[in-house]
Amino acid sequence: MKSAIEYDILIQGGGPVGLACAAWCLQKNPGSKLVLVDRNPIDDADLVSADSRGIALSHGSKLLLDTINAWPTDCADIHRVHVSQAGRFGRALMTREELGQDALGHIIRYRDIHLALRKALRAIQTRQNQTESHFSWLHIDNDSEHLNIQAKCIVHAEGGLFKKQDWVESGRDYDQSALVGLVEVENAATHQAWERFTAEGPLAVLPSHYGSNILNLVWCGSPESSQQRLNLSDTDFLLALQKEFGSRIGRFLKIQDRRLYPLGLNYRKVITQGNEVWVGNAAQTLHPVAGQGLNLGLRDAYLLAETLAEIFSNPRQEQTSHHIENALQKYAQSRQADRTTTIGLTDFMARVFTSNLLPIVIGRGLALTALQWLPPIKTALARQMMFGRR
């Protein structure tokens, strides 16, 4: 297949980060010569019944997605977050009132954010038809290298899940799996997220758009334990969950849609090479302990779109390979603090909250207690989670 146009920008990957990057590029530069290569069919039919797991999006991500009208209708807001460790002292409670925000975060089904971004991109594409636009959205079954596409800048946004990625540069295998599902809780508190650290890893119960008593479950543990829990009957699973979580949240009544995902950290030390740049899960894949993966990827996409608009929106701007490479290097430098902080914080939490060494257990309790009683520390951590490092 041959492309009739030499594009300025090629985006490989039509997941949420690739779609968002394309939408912001077109919004910031309506005349963009841009092509998006997507493994998903252009039609949405197959995605309507696709991945329904709950994804945590920060309030900062909502503000970014609002700029392209890509916020899903169905979502569950988080107003309070309760953090504790099973069988040990130390707890902390964060509230939206403390931070003066409408919400601390939001839980959205993966397919809903995917579909909302597709709809937003189509709306922008329709408006661009009124101008001189050269945007193409291509569906492929094989690698894009088989297409005869020439582009001045190549954006890699094809990430995938840990252990299914064809690149491993830096990181670690946490020897953990996440068991996810939907759990019904009797008289659950509305808009509240629970994060409980167990001997094997974090156990989170999060709001969902199905109603106040149907909550998203993320239970991290060793691959062996997680597989055993997956194979339990519903009754035995609920008993094990209640024993591990305790009675603070209420009584667990029903579990459905259990699935397993392996957990680990992959990240690229260098995210640009020549005229190529990596964003989202193609640049870093994180443990879900702090719910930062997609949020970091969306910040990548937004700031990259700003950089690309500066390069390609001004016809008098030099667009030689040298200038493009320099601009991408500056972009990488601007992302370094946010990436380093978010990756480091997530990795630290994933490791320190699975250790059963007594000094670390005591240190965790003291840290949670300090978080509760020292508001400046709590505020700084919450703002990092919501908006990233600026």
Protein backbone atom coordinates (compact mmCIF):
# COMPACT_ATOMS: atom_id res chain seq x y z
CA MET A 1 0.00 0.00 0.00
CA LYS A 2 1.35 3.42 -0.96
CA SER A 3 0.60 6.73 0.67
CA ALA A 4 -0.14 9.64 -1.64
CA ILE A 5 1.07 12.15 0.94
CA GLU A 6 4.35 12.58 2.73
CA TYR A 7 3.19 13.18 6.26
CA ASP A 8 4.67 15.39 8.90
CA ILE A 9 3.65 13.05 11.72
CA LEU A 10 3.04 9.28 11.87
CA ILE A 11 1.42 7.97 15.07
CA GLN A 12 1.73 4.22 15.52
CA GLY A 13 -0.98 2.94 17.84
CA GLY A 14 -4.68 3.73 18.17
CA GLY A 15 -5.09 3.16 21.89
CA PRO A 16 -6.09 6.00 24.24
CA VAL A 17 -2.65 7.67 24.24
CA GLY A 18 -2.24 7.52 20.44
CA LEU A 19 -5.79 8.78 19.87
CA ALA A 20 -5.34 11.62 22.37
CA CYS A 21 -2.04 12.64 20.79
CA ALA A 22 -3.62 12.72 17.33
CA ALA A 23 -6.59 14.76 18.58
CA TRP A 24 -4.39 17.31 20.34
CA CYS A 25 -2.10 17.58 17.30
CA LEU A 26 -5.07 18.35 15.05
CA GLN A 27 -6.57 20.75 17.58
CA LYS A 28 -3.34 22.69 17.99
CA ASN A 29 -2.49 22.63 14.28
CA PRO A 30 -5.61 22.24 12.09
CA GLY A 31 -3.48 21.86 8.97
CA SER A 32 -1.56 18.88 10.33
CA LYS A 33 -0.30 16.37 7.81
CA LEU A 34 -0.81 13.47 10.16
CA VAL A 35 -1.51 9.75 9.82
CA LEU A 36 -2.70 7.49 12.65
CA VAL A 37 -2.04 3.76 12.18
CA ASP A 38 -4.51 1.71 14.23
CA ARG A 39 -4.73 -2.07 14.71
CA ASN A 40 -8.37 -1.71 15.71
CA PRO A 41 -11.02 -1.50 12.98
CA ILE A 42 -12.12 2.05 12.24
CA ASP A 43 -15.67 1.00 13.09
CA ASP A 44 -16.45 0.98 16.85
CA ALA A 45 -18.63 -2.13 16.87
CA ASP A 46 -15.97 -4.50 18.22
CA LEU A 47 -14.94 -2.08 20.97
CA VAL A 48 -18.41 -1.66 22.50
CA SER A 49 -18.07 -5.07 24.19
CA ALA A 50 -14.29 -4.88 24.69
CA ASP A 51 -12.17 -4.45 27.82
CA SER A 52 -14.42 -3.39 30.71
CA ARG A 53 -11.81 -3.17 33.50
CA GLY A 54 -11.84 0.02 35.53
CA ILE A 55 -9.01 2.47 34.84
CA ALA A 56 -8.04 5.22 37.28
CA LEU A 57 -7.83 8.69 35.76
CA SER A 58 -6.67 11.67 37.76
CA HIS A 59 -8.47 14.98 37.92
CA GLY A 60 -5.58 16.44 35.93
CA SER A 61 -6.29 13.97 33.12
CA LYS A 62 -9.94 14.99 33.14
CA LEU A 63 -8.95 18.62 32.65
CA LEU A 64 -6.73 17.64 29.72
CA LEU A 65 -9.38 15.45 28.07
CA ASP A 66 -12.02 18.15 28.52
CA THR A 67 -10.01 20.31 26.09
CA ILE A 68 -10.95 17.90 23.27
CA ASN A 69 -14.40 16.93 24.64
CA ALA A 70 -13.20 13.38 25.25
CA TRP A 71 -14.52 12.80 28.77
CA PRO A 72 -16.80 9.71 28.93
CA THR A 73 -20.36 10.13 30.11
CA ASP A 74 -20.18 7.10 32.39
CA CYS A 75 -17.62 7.43 35.17
CA ALA A 76 -17.37 7.23 38.94
CA ASP A 77 -15.86 10.08 40.92
CA ILE A 78 -13.59 9.54 43.91
CA HIS A 79 -14.16 12.01 46.75
CA ARG A 80 -12.27 10.16 49.49
CA VAL A 81 -9.36 7.70 49.57
CA HIS A 82 -8.78 5.52 52.63
CA VAL A 83 -5.32 3.90 52.87
CA SER A 84 -4.34 1.28 55.46
CA GLN A 85 -2.32 -1.89 55.93
CA ALA A 86 -3.86 -5.21 56.92
CA GLY A 87 -3.24 -6.27 60.51
CA ARG A 88 -0.89 -3.36 61.21
CA PHE A 89 -1.15 0.18 62.54
CA GLY A 90 -1.19 3.25 60.32
CA ARG A 91 -3.88 4.69 58.11
CA ALA A 92 -4.55 7.85 56.12
CA LEU A 93 -7.64 9.49 54.67
CA MET A 94 -7.56 11.95 51.79
CA THR A 95 -10.61 14.02 50.84
CA ARG A 96 -11.43 16.35 47.98
CA GLU A 97 -12.31 19.08 50.48
CA GLU A 98 -8.74 19.09 51.85
CA LEU A 99 -7.40 19.80 48.38
CA GLY A 100 -10.15 22.11 47.17
CA GLN A 101 -10.90 19.90 44.13
CA ASP A 102 -14.14 18.61 42.63
CA ALA A 103 -12.74 15.07 42.84
CA LEU A 104 -9.51 13.28 43.72
CA GLY A 105 -9.83 11.03 40.70
CA HIS A 106 -12.19 9.05 38.52
CA ILE A 107 -12.72 5.40 37.59
CA ILE A 108 -13.65 4.72 33.97
CA ARG A 109 -13.97 1.52 31.98
CA TYR A 110 -11.07 1.17 29.54
CA ARG A 111 -13.41 0.71 26.59
CA ASP A 112 -15.32 3.90 27.50
CA ILE A 113 -12.22 6.10 27.47
CA HIS A 114 -11.17 4.39 24.22
CA LEU A 115 -14.53 5.07 22.58
CA ALA A 116 -14.76 8.64 23.91
CA LEU A 117 -11.38 9.47 22.37
CA ARG A 118 -12.38 7.93 19.04
CA LYS A 119 -15.53 10.06 19.03
CA ALA A 120 -13.56 13.18 19.91
CA LEU A 121 -11.02 12.53 17.16
CA ARG A 122 -13.78 12.07 14.58
CA ALA A 123 -15.41 15.33 15.68
CA ILE A 124 -12.12 17.19 15.27
CA GLN A 125 -11.56 15.47 11.93
CA THR A 126 -15.00 16.63 10.74
CA ARG A 127 -14.20 20.21 11.68
CA GLN A 128 -10.82 19.95 9.98
CA ASN A 129 -12.54 19.14 6.70
CA GLN A 130 -13.38 22.84 6.57
CA THR A 131 -9.66 23.61 6.37
CA GLU A 132 -6.72 22.27 4.43
CA SER A 133 -6.16 19.08 6.41
CA HIS A 134 -4.26 15.96 5.45
CA PHE A 135 -5.24 13.64 8.29
CA SER A 136 -5.57 9.91 7.62
CA TRP A 137 -6.75 7.18 9.99
CA LEU A 138 -5.57 3.79 8.75
CA HIS A 139 -6.44 0.32 10.00
CA ILE A 140 -3.76 -2.34 9.58
CA ASP A 141 -3.47 -6.01 10.44
CA ASN A 142 0.32 -6.14 10.30
CA ASP A 143 3.17 -3.85 11.28
CA SER A 144 3.12 -0.37 9.78
CA GLU A 145 6.59 -0.92 8.35
CA HIS A 146 4.86 -2.78 5.52
CA LEU A 147 3.13 0.45 4.54
CA ASN A 148 4.88 2.92 2.31
CA ILE A 149 4.44 5.86 4.66
CA GLN A 150 7.01 8.61 4.87
CA ALA A 151 6.91 10.96 7.83
CA LYS A 152 9.18 13.59 9.26
CA CYS A 153 8.36 12.51 12.83
CA ILE A 154 7.34 9.05 14.08
CA VAL A 155 5.41 8.70 17.35
CA HIS A 156 5.36 5.22 18.92
CA ALA A 157 2.19 4.86 20.99
CA GLU A 158 1.69 1.10 20.62
CA GLY A 159 2.22 -0.08 24.19
CA GLY A 160 0.43 -3.22 25.29
CA LEU A 161 0.44 -5.08 28.60
CA PHE A 162 3.48 -6.12 30.61
CA LYS A 163 4.97 -9.44 29.40
CA LYS A 164 3.24 -8.95 26.05
CA GLN A 165 5.61 -6.18 25.04
CA ASP A 166 8.39 -6.89 22.57
CA TRP A 167 10.80 -4.55 24.36
CA VAL A 168 12.41 -4.77 27.77
CA GLU A 169 14.97 -2.05 28.38
CA SER A 170 14.85 -1.25 32.09
CA GLY A 171 12.53 -2.32 34.88
CA ARG A 172 11.58 -5.31 36.94
CA ASP A 173 9.16 -8.20 37.20
CA TYR A 174 7.31 -7.78 40.51
CA ASP A 175 6.36 -11.48 40.50
CA GLN A 176 2.80 -10.34 41.04
CA SER A 177 -0.51 -10.59 39.24
CA ALA A 178 -3.54 -8.34 39.56
CA LEU A 179 -6.88 -10.06 39.92
CA VAL A 180 -9.57 -7.64 38.78
CA GLY A 181 -13.33 -7.89 38.87
CA LEU A 182 -16.55 -6.32 40.08
CA VAL A 183 -17.66 -6.86 43.66
CA GLU A 184 -20.96 -6.02 45.30
CA VAL A 185 -20.67 -4.51 48.78
CA GLU A 186 -23.51 -4.10 51.24
CA ASN A 187 -24.14 -0.43 52.09
CA ALA A 188 -20.89 0.76 50.55
CA ALA A 189 -19.87 4.39 51.11
CA THR A 190 -20.41 6.41 47.95
CA HIS A 191 -17.48 7.97 46.07
CA GLN A 192 -14.92 6.30 48.33
CA ALA A 193 -11.81 4.38 47.27
CA TRP A 194 -10.12 1.90 49.58
CA GLU A 195 -6.46 0.92 49.30
CA ARG A 196 -5.36 -1.79 51.72
CA PHE A 197 -1.82 -3.15 51.71
CA THR A 198 -1.59 -6.85 52.44
CA ALA A 199 1.34 -9.22 52.89
CA GLU A 200 1.30 -9.97 49.14
CA GLY A 201 0.56 -6.55 47.73
CA PRO A 202 -2.09 -3.83 47.43
CA LEU A 203 -5.80 -4.60 47.53
CA ALA A 204 -7.98 -1.82 46.15
CA VAL A 205 -11.75 -1.43 46.07
CA LEU A 206 -12.81 1.47 43.88
CA PRO A 207 -16.07 3.11 42.77
CA SER A 208 -17.73 2.14 39.49
CA HIS A 209 -20.41 3.65 37.30
CA TYR A 210 -22.65 0.61 37.91
CA GLY A 211 -23.86 2.12 41.19
CA SER A 212 -22.75 2.83 44.73
CA ASN A 213 -22.72 -0.84 45.81
CA ILE A 214 -20.95 -2.30 42.74
CA LEU A 215 -17.23 -1.60 43.05
CA ASN A 216 -14.09 -2.31 41.06
CA LEU A 217 -11.74 -4.78 42.72
CA VAL A 218 -7.97 -4.92 42.15
CA TRP A 219 -6.28 -7.60 44.28
CA CYS A 220 -2.53 -7.94 43.79
CA GLY A 221 -0.68 -11.04 44.92
CA SER A 222 1.80 -13.67 43.85
CA PRO A 223 0.98 -15.35 40.52
CA GLU A 224 0.31 -18.63 42.34
CA SER A 225 -2.02 -17.14 44.96
CA SER A 226 -3.80 -15.03 42.35
CA GLN A 227 -4.41 -18.06 40.15
CA GLN A 228 -5.78 -19.98 43.12
CA ARG A 229 -8.15 -17.11 43.92
CA LEU A 230 -9.25 -17.01 40.31
CA ASN A 231 -10.18 -20.70 40.52
CA LEU A 232 -12.15 -20.42 43.78
CA SER A 233 -15.91 -20.64 43.79
CA ASP A 234 -17.68 -17.31 44.23
CA THR A 235 -18.56 -18.19 47.83
CA ASP A 236 -15.01 -19.15 48.80
CA PHE A 237 -13.57 -16.15 46.99
CA LEU A 238 -15.82 -13.74 48.90
CA LEU A 239 -14.87 -15.37 52.20
CA ALA A 240 -11.16 -15.01 51.38
CA LEU A 241 -11.65 -11.40 50.32
CA GLN A 242 -13.59 -10.55 53.48
CA LYS A 243 -10.89 -12.13 55.65
CA GLU A 244 -8.14 -10.17 53.89
CA PHE A 245 -9.93 -6.84 53.79
CA GLY A 246 -11.75 -6.90 57.10
CA SER A 247 -15.15 -5.48 57.92
CA ARG A 248 -14.41 -1.76 57.63
CA ILE A 249 -15.82 -1.47 54.11
CA GLY A 250 -18.89 -3.64 54.74
CA ARG A 251 -19.95 -7.15 53.70
CA PHE A 252 -18.95 -8.49 50.30
CA LEU A 253 -22.00 -10.06 48.61
CA LYS A 254 -21.12 -10.96 45.03
CA ILE A 255 -18.15 -11.20 42.66
CA GLN A 256 -18.17 -11.24 38.87
CA ASP A 257 -15.90 -10.90 35.83
CA ARG A 258 -12.66 -12.08 37.48
CA ARG A 259 -9.50 -11.79 35.33
CA LEU A 260 -5.73 -11.84 35.85
CA TYR A 261 -3.01 -9.50 34.60
CA PRO A 262 0.74 -9.97 35.22
CA LEU A 263 2.44 -6.94 36.79
CA GLY A 264 5.83 -5.40 36.18
CA LEU A 265 7.76 -2.30 35.24
CA ASN A 266 9.20 -1.58 31.80
CA TYR A 267 10.58 1.82 30.93
CA ARG A 268 12.83 3.37 28.33
CA LYS A 269 15.71 5.43 29.65
CA VAL A 270 15.79 7.37 26.37
CA ILE A 271 12.42 8.20 24.80
CA THR A 272 13.67 9.86 21.61
CA GLN A 273 16.00 8.67 18.89
CA GLY A 274 16.47 10.82 15.81
CA ASN A 275 13.00 11.68 14.52
CA GLU A 276 11.29 9.01 16.64
CA VAL A 277 9.63 9.42 20.06
CA TRP A 278 7.93 6.96 22.45
CA VAL A 279 4.90 7.83 24.63
CA GLY A 280 2.50 6.07 27.00
CA ASN A 281 2.98 2.33 27.50
CA ALA A 282 5.48 2.34 24.66
CA ALA A 283 7.68 4.49 26.92
CA GLN A 284 6.78 3.12 30.35
CA THR A 285 4.54 0.40 31.80
CA LEU A 286 3.83 0.81 35.51
CA HIS A 287 2.44 -1.17 38.44
CA PRO A 288 -1.21 -0.15 39.08
CA VAL A 289 -0.60 0.54 42.79
CA ALA A 290 -1.00 4.31 42.37
CA GLY A 291 -3.10 4.27 39.20
CA GLN A 292 -0.60 6.43 37.31
CA GLY A 293 0.05 4.59 34.02
CA LEU A 294 -2.54 6.14 31.68
CA ASN A 295 -2.32 9.51 33.44
CA LEU A 296 1.40 9.73 32.73
CA GLY A 297 0.79 8.63 29.14
CA LEU A 298 -1.82 11.34 28.58
CA ARG A 299 0.58 13.98 29.89
CA ASP A 300 3.18 12.60 27.46
CA ALA A 301 0.72 12.93 24.58
CA TYR A 302 -0.46 16.43 25.45
CA LEU A 303 3.01 17.93 25.80
CA LEU A 304 4.27 16.12 22.71
CA ALA A 305 1.37 17.57 20.70
CA GLU A 306 2.41 21.04 21.88
CA THR A 307 5.97 20.38 20.72
CA LEU A 308 4.85 19.05 17.33
CA ALA A 309 2.52 22.02 16.83
CA GLU A 310 5.43 24.38 17.38
CA ILE A 311 7.43 22.52 14.73
CA PHE A 312 4.81 22.07 12.03
CA SER A 313 2.22 24.85 12.43
CA ASN A 314 4.54 27.61 11.27
CA PRO A 315 5.44 27.21 7.57
CA ARG A 316 8.47 29.44 8.11
CA GLN A 317 9.74 27.18 10.90
CA GLU A 318 12.64 25.05 9.72
CA GLN A 319 11.60 21.40 9.57
CA THR A 320 14.86 19.70 8.78
CA SER A 321 15.68 16.42 10.51
CA HIS A 322 18.16 18.31 12.67
CA HIS A 323 15.54 20.78 13.96
CA ILE A 324 12.98 18.02 14.55
CA GLU A 325 15.53 15.95 16.47
CA ASN A 326 16.48 18.95 18.62
CA ALA A 327 12.81 19.71 19.35
CA LEU A 328 12.16 16.11 20.39
CA GLN A 329 15.19 16.14 22.66
CA LYS A 330 13.85 19.27 24.36
CA TYR A 331 10.50 17.51 24.75
CA ALA A 332 12.25 14.54 26.38
CA GLN A 333 14.06 16.86 28.77
CA SER A 334 10.78 18.55 29.71
CA ARG A 335 9.26 15.13 30.52
CA GLN A 336 12.20 13.83 32.53
CA ALA A 337 11.17 15.15 35.95
CA ASP A 338 7.57 13.93 35.67
CA ARG A 339 8.59 10.51 34.31
CA THR A 340 11.35 9.99 36.86
CA THR A 341 9.17 11.01 39.81
CA THR A 342 6.13 9.00 38.74
CA ILE A 343 8.07 5.87 37.80
CA GLY A 344 10.16 6.06 40.96
CA LEU A 345 7.20 6.66 43.26
CA THR A 346 5.16 3.84 41.73
CA ASP A 347 8.08 1.42 41.84
CA PHE A 348 8.86 2.35 45.45
CA MET A 349 5.26 1.82 46.55
CA ALA A 350 4.99 -1.49 44.66
CA ARG A 351 8.08 -2.85 46.45
CA VAL A 352 7.90 -1.33 49.92
CA PHE A 353 4.26 -2.26 50.46
CA THR A 354 4.91 -5.94 49.70
CA SER A 355 7.79 -6.35 52.14
CA ASN A 356 7.13 -8.18 55.41
CA LEU A 357 10.39 -7.20 57.08
CA LEU A 358 9.50 -5.80 60.51
CA PRO A 359 11.44 -2.50 60.15
CA ILE A 360 9.72 -1.80 56.83
CA VAL A 361 6.31 -2.76 58.24
CA ILE A 362 6.83 -0.33 61.13
CA GLY A 363 8.11 2.33 58.72
CA ARG A 364 4.99 1.94 56.57
CA GLY A 365 2.77 2.47 59.58
CA LEU A 366 4.70 5.55 60.63
CA ALA A 367 4.58 6.91 57.06
CA LEU A 368 0.80 6.49 56.85
CA THR A 369 0.40 8.10 60.27
CA ALA A 370 2.60 11.02 59.21
CA LEU A 371 0.60 11.34 56.00
CA GLN A 372 -2.58 11.65 58.04
CA TRP A 373 -1.28 14.21 60.53
CA LEU A 374 1.02 16.31 58.33
CA PRO A 375 -1.27 18.01 55.78
CA PRO A 376 1.54 19.55 53.65
CA ILE A 377 2.96 16.08 52.91
CA LYS A 378 -0.49 14.71 52.12
CA THR A 379 -1.24 17.65 49.82
CA ALA A 380 2.07 17.33 47.98
CA LEU A 381 1.56 13.60 47.38
CA ALA A 382 -2.05 14.06 46.27
CA ARG A 383 -1.13 16.81 43.82
CA GLN A 384 1.62 14.65 42.35
CA MET A 385 -0.94 11.91 41.78
CA MET A 386 -3.46 14.33 40.24
CA PHE A 387 -1.27 16.56 38.09
CA GLY A 388 2.21 15.03 37.90
CA ARG A 389 5.52 16.80 38.39
CA ARG A 390 5.59 20.22 36.83
